[in-house]
Amino acid sequence: MHKSTAILILIIILMVPSTVGARSLLNVSLGFGATYSPKELDDISLGFQDPDNWMFSGELSARFAFLQGQAMVYPITCSNEEQGVLLVGMGSMSLPVLGSLLALEFGAGPSVTYMPTSSSSPRSSYYELANGVYADTEEKTFTEAMFASPVYLQIGLGSEVGPVGLRIRWLMESNATLGSVFTSSEWWGMFAIDKASLSLALSLKMF
């Protein structure tokens, strides 16, 4: 039993260098995407024709071997119908399945929803935190808002063909915040999903 396990581990170790070598060790890319985000979690297959269910985004991603970091920016409409941006930072693993042609990606990261000052509203700029709580930027710093905002999870597939990258992923908003994950021993609470979105992103390798 132990001998067969050792042989299996040895085979995996021998396969890793060839798998990594099939794609570049470093990849920094700039991209844009479209995200289908229905208002109800059980409504994922409906409403494709409703423009309110779609968000467009820009993103910057950097990968070194299996480790990947992403910064995503989504222009959004807040719950009180004001315009703002959703910022999501994602740390993830990118595990090659078929070299550069197909990789499995999964990760997690914090978010911040920022609503700037609007000419149509007398209210100053503010953050929309978890559970629809608002906080003026004068009362909370960006870091404090990040710890009080929902954690995002993602799982998806990525492909790199020359300088062009393509990703399709399931982006999930958790009920947990970054602060609750660090302060609670029940860290698995971050897997309690409040909302899910289907995202497709196209990117171009910068270097």
Protein backbone atom coordinates (compact mmCIF):
# COMPACT_ATOMS: atom_id res chain seq x y z
CA MET A 1 0.00 0.00 0.00
CA HIS A 2 2.76 2.43 0.99
CA LYS A 3 4.84 1.43 -2.04
CA SER A 4 2.02 2.17 -4.51
CA THR A 5 1.39 5.55 -2.83
CA ALA A 6 5.07 6.44 -3.15
CA ILE A 7 5.06 5.50 -6.85
CA LEU A 8 1.98 7.66 -7.45
CA ILE A 9 3.59 10.65 -5.73
CA LEU A 10 6.76 10.15 -7.80
CA ILE A 11 4.75 10.11 -11.04
CA ILE A 12 3.00 13.34 -10.08
CA ILE A 13 6.32 15.02 -9.24
CA LEU A 14 7.76 13.96 -12.59
CA MET A 15 4.71 15.27 -14.45
CA VAL A 16 4.73 18.72 -12.81
CA PRO A 17 7.79 20.19 -14.63
CA SER A 18 6.45 19.26 -18.06
CA THR A 19 3.01 20.64 -17.18
CA VAL A 20 4.40 23.95 -15.96
CA GLY A 21 6.73 24.19 -18.95
CA ALA A 22 3.81 24.01 -21.32
CA ARG A 23 2.90 27.59 -20.41
CA SER A 24 4.90 30.64 -19.45
CA LEU A 25 6.08 30.87 -15.86
CA LEU A 26 5.02 34.53 -15.60
CA ASN A 27 1.95 36.14 -17.10
CA VAL A 28 0.72 39.69 -16.51
CA SER A 29 -2.40 40.56 -18.49
CA LEU A 30 -5.02 43.26 -18.87
CA GLY A 31 -8.57 42.32 -19.74
CA PHE A 32 -12.29 43.04 -19.74
CA GLY A 33 -15.31 40.89 -19.15
CA ALA A 34 -19.08 40.50 -18.95
CA THR A 35 -20.79 39.07 -15.90
CA TYR A 36 -24.32 37.69 -15.74
CA SER A 37 -25.60 38.45 -12.24
CA PRO A 38 -29.30 37.69 -11.65
CA LYS A 39 -30.94 39.21 -8.60
CA GLU A 40 -31.98 35.81 -7.24
CA LEU A 41 -29.63 32.85 -6.76
CA ASP A 42 -32.24 30.38 -8.09
CA ASP A 43 -32.84 32.56 -11.18
CA ILE A 44 -29.46 31.85 -12.82
CA SER A 45 -30.96 30.37 -16.01
CA LEU A 46 -33.46 33.18 -16.56
CA GLY A 47 -33.22 36.84 -17.48
CA PHE A 48 -30.38 36.78 -20.02
CA GLN A 49 -32.20 39.46 -22.02
CA ASP A 50 -32.54 41.79 -19.03
CA PRO A 51 -29.69 44.37 -19.19
CA ASP A 52 -30.00 44.92 -15.42
CA ASN A 53 -28.65 41.38 -14.93
CA TRP A 54 -25.38 42.14 -16.72
CA MET A 55 -22.24 43.89 -15.50
CA PHE A 56 -19.13 44.79 -17.49
CA SER A 57 -15.73 44.88 -15.89
CA GLY A 58 -12.05 45.54 -16.32
CA GLU A 59 -9.32 43.52 -14.66
CA LEU A 60 -5.59 43.18 -14.15
CA SER A 61 -4.16 39.76 -13.42
CA ALA A 62 -0.70 38.43 -12.66
CA ARG A 63 0.31 34.77 -12.48
CA PHE A 64 3.57 33.24 -11.34
CA ALA A 65 3.60 29.46 -11.84
CA PHE A 66 0.47 28.26 -9.95
CA LEU A 67 -0.15 31.44 -7.92
CA GLN A 68 -2.38 34.14 -9.36
CA GLY A 69 -3.61 37.55 -8.25
CA GLN A 70 -6.45 39.53 -9.82
CA ALA A 71 -7.88 43.02 -9.39
CA MET A 72 -11.37 43.46 -10.87
CA VAL A 73 -13.41 46.65 -11.24
CA TYR A 74 -17.19 46.55 -11.84
CA PRO A 75 -19.26 49.69 -12.49
CA ILE A 76 -22.50 48.99 -10.58
CA THR A 77 -25.78 50.48 -9.40
CA CYS A 78 -26.05 50.49 -5.63
CA SER A 79 -29.14 49.27 -3.74
CA ASN A 80 -30.40 52.87 -3.52
CA GLU A 81 -30.03 53.31 -7.31
CA GLU A 82 -26.82 55.38 -7.16
CA GLN A 83 -23.84 54.66 -9.42
CA GLY A 84 -20.58 53.37 -8.05
CA VAL A 85 -17.87 50.75 -8.43
CA LEU A 86 -17.32 47.29 -6.97
CA LEU A 87 -13.65 46.47 -6.41
CA VAL A 88 -12.69 42.81 -5.95
CA GLY A 89 -9.21 41.53 -5.17
CA MET A 90 -8.69 37.83 -5.72
CA GLY A 91 -5.89 35.49 -4.72
CA SER A 92 -6.18 32.17 -6.51
CA MET A 93 -4.54 28.99 -7.70
CA SER A 94 -4.22 28.27 -11.42
CA LEU A 95 -3.61 24.55 -11.92
CA PRO A 96 -2.83 23.46 -15.51
CA VAL A 97 -4.87 20.53 -16.78
CA LEU A 98 -3.80 20.64 -20.45
CA GLY A 99 -0.75 22.88 -20.36
CA SER A 100 -1.64 26.42 -21.41
CA LEU A 101 -4.85 25.30 -23.13
CA LEU A 102 -6.82 24.59 -19.98
CA ALA A 103 -6.33 25.41 -16.31
CA LEU A 104 -8.53 25.02 -13.25
CA GLU A 105 -8.75 28.20 -11.19
CA PHE A 106 -10.14 28.66 -7.70
CA GLY A 107 -9.63 31.38 -5.15
CA ALA A 108 -11.05 33.94 -2.72
CA GLY A 109 -10.60 37.59 -1.86
CA PRO A 110 -12.05 40.77 -0.35
CA SER A 111 -14.26 43.39 -1.95
CA VAL A 112 -15.15 47.07 -1.51
CA THR A 113 -18.20 48.86 -2.94
CA TYR A 114 -17.44 52.56 -3.32
CA MET A 115 -20.06 55.18 -4.16
CA PRO A 116 -18.53 58.56 -5.13
CA THR A 117 -20.15 61.94 -4.62
CA SER A 118 -22.94 62.50 -7.15
CA SER A 119 -24.33 65.79 -8.47
CA SER A 120 -27.83 64.29 -8.21
CA SER A 121 -27.40 63.48 -4.51
CA PRO A 122 -26.37 65.74 -1.65
CA ARG A 123 -24.73 62.84 0.10
CA SER A 124 -20.93 62.66 0.23
CA SER A 125 -19.00 59.61 -0.99
CA TYR A 126 -19.55 56.42 0.99
CA TYR A 127 -19.03 52.65 1.10
CA GLU A 128 -21.80 50.07 0.91
CA LEU A 129 -20.77 47.33 3.34
CA ALA A 130 -22.18 43.87 4.02
CA ASN A 131 -25.93 43.59 4.66
CA GLY A 132 -26.60 46.93 2.95
CA VAL A 133 -24.94 49.02 5.66
CA TYR A 134 -23.61 52.42 4.53
CA ALA A 135 -20.53 54.21 5.88
CA ASP A 136 -19.21 57.62 4.83
CA THR A 137 -15.62 57.67 3.61
CA GLU A 138 -14.88 60.23 6.33
CA GLU A 139 -15.93 57.69 8.98
CA LYS A 140 -14.18 54.60 7.63
CA THR A 141 -10.88 54.10 5.89
CA PHE A 142 -10.62 51.97 2.76
CA THR A 143 -9.04 49.13 4.79
CA GLU A 144 -11.81 49.22 7.41
CA ALA A 145 -14.43 49.11 4.65
CA MET A 146 -12.65 46.13 3.07
CA PHE A 147 -12.81 44.17 6.35
CA ALA A 148 -16.54 44.96 6.67
CA SER A 149 -17.42 44.00 3.07
CA PRO A 150 -18.35 40.59 1.62
CA VAL A 151 -15.71 38.02 0.68
CA TYR A 152 -15.85 36.74 -2.90
CA LEU A 153 -15.08 33.20 -4.07
CA GLN A 154 -14.45 31.98 -7.58
CA ILE A 155 -14.02 28.71 -9.41
CA GLY A 156 -13.55 28.46 -13.15
CA LEU A 157 -11.54 27.48 -16.18
CA GLY A 158 -8.80 29.51 -17.87
CA SER A 159 -7.04 29.20 -21.21
CA GLU A 160 -3.95 30.89 -22.67
CA VAL A 161 -3.37 30.77 -26.42
CA GLY A 162 -0.36 32.90 -27.26
CA PRO A 163 -0.92 36.40 -25.85
CA VAL A 164 -4.69 35.93 -25.53
CA GLY A 165 -6.36 34.57 -22.41
CA LEU A 166 -9.93 33.45 -21.86
CA ARG A 167 -11.65 32.73 -18.54
CA ILE A 168 -15.08 31.46 -17.65
CA ARG A 169 -15.80 31.39 -13.94
CA TRP A 170 -18.43 31.16 -11.26
CA LEU A 171 -18.09 34.26 -9.05
CA MET A 172 -19.78 34.00 -5.66
CA GLU A 173 -20.52 36.60 -3.00
CA SER A 174 -20.24 35.16 0.50
CA ASN A 175 -22.32 36.03 3.56
CA ALA A 176 -19.03 36.37 5.44
CA THR A 177 -16.78 39.42 5.54
CA LEU A 178 -13.01 39.50 5.70
CA GLY A 179 -13.30 40.66 9.31
CA SER A 180 -15.59 37.80 10.33
CA VAL A 181 -13.32 35.23 8.66
CA PHE A 182 -10.31 36.41 10.69
CA THR A 183 -12.13 36.91 14.00
CA SER A 184 -14.21 33.71 13.98
CA SER A 185 -12.89 30.19 14.44
CA GLU A 186 -15.62 29.01 12.06
CA TRP A 187 -13.82 30.22 8.93
CA TRP A 188 -15.83 27.82 6.76
CA GLY A 189 -18.72 30.28 7.11
CA MET A 190 -17.24 32.03 4.07
CA PHE A 191 -18.67 29.23 1.94
CA ALA A 192 -22.24 30.33 2.75
CA ILE A 193 -23.11 31.93 -0.58
CA ASP A 194 -25.47 34.89 -0.83
CA LYS A 195 -25.29 35.58 -4.57
CA ALA A 196 -23.62 33.96 -7.60
CA SER A 197 -22.63 35.27 -11.03
CA LEU A 198 -21.39 33.73 -14.25
CA SER A 199 -18.41 35.64 -15.66
CA LEU A 200 -16.59 35.54 -18.99
CA ALA A 201 -13.35 37.51 -19.41
CA LEU A 202 -10.96 38.10 -22.30
CA SER A 203 -7.42 39.29 -21.61
CA LEU A 204 -4.26 40.27 -23.45
CA LYS A 205 -0.83 39.39 -22.12
CA MET A 206 1.29 42.46 -21.39
CA PHE A 207 4.49 40.56 -20.49
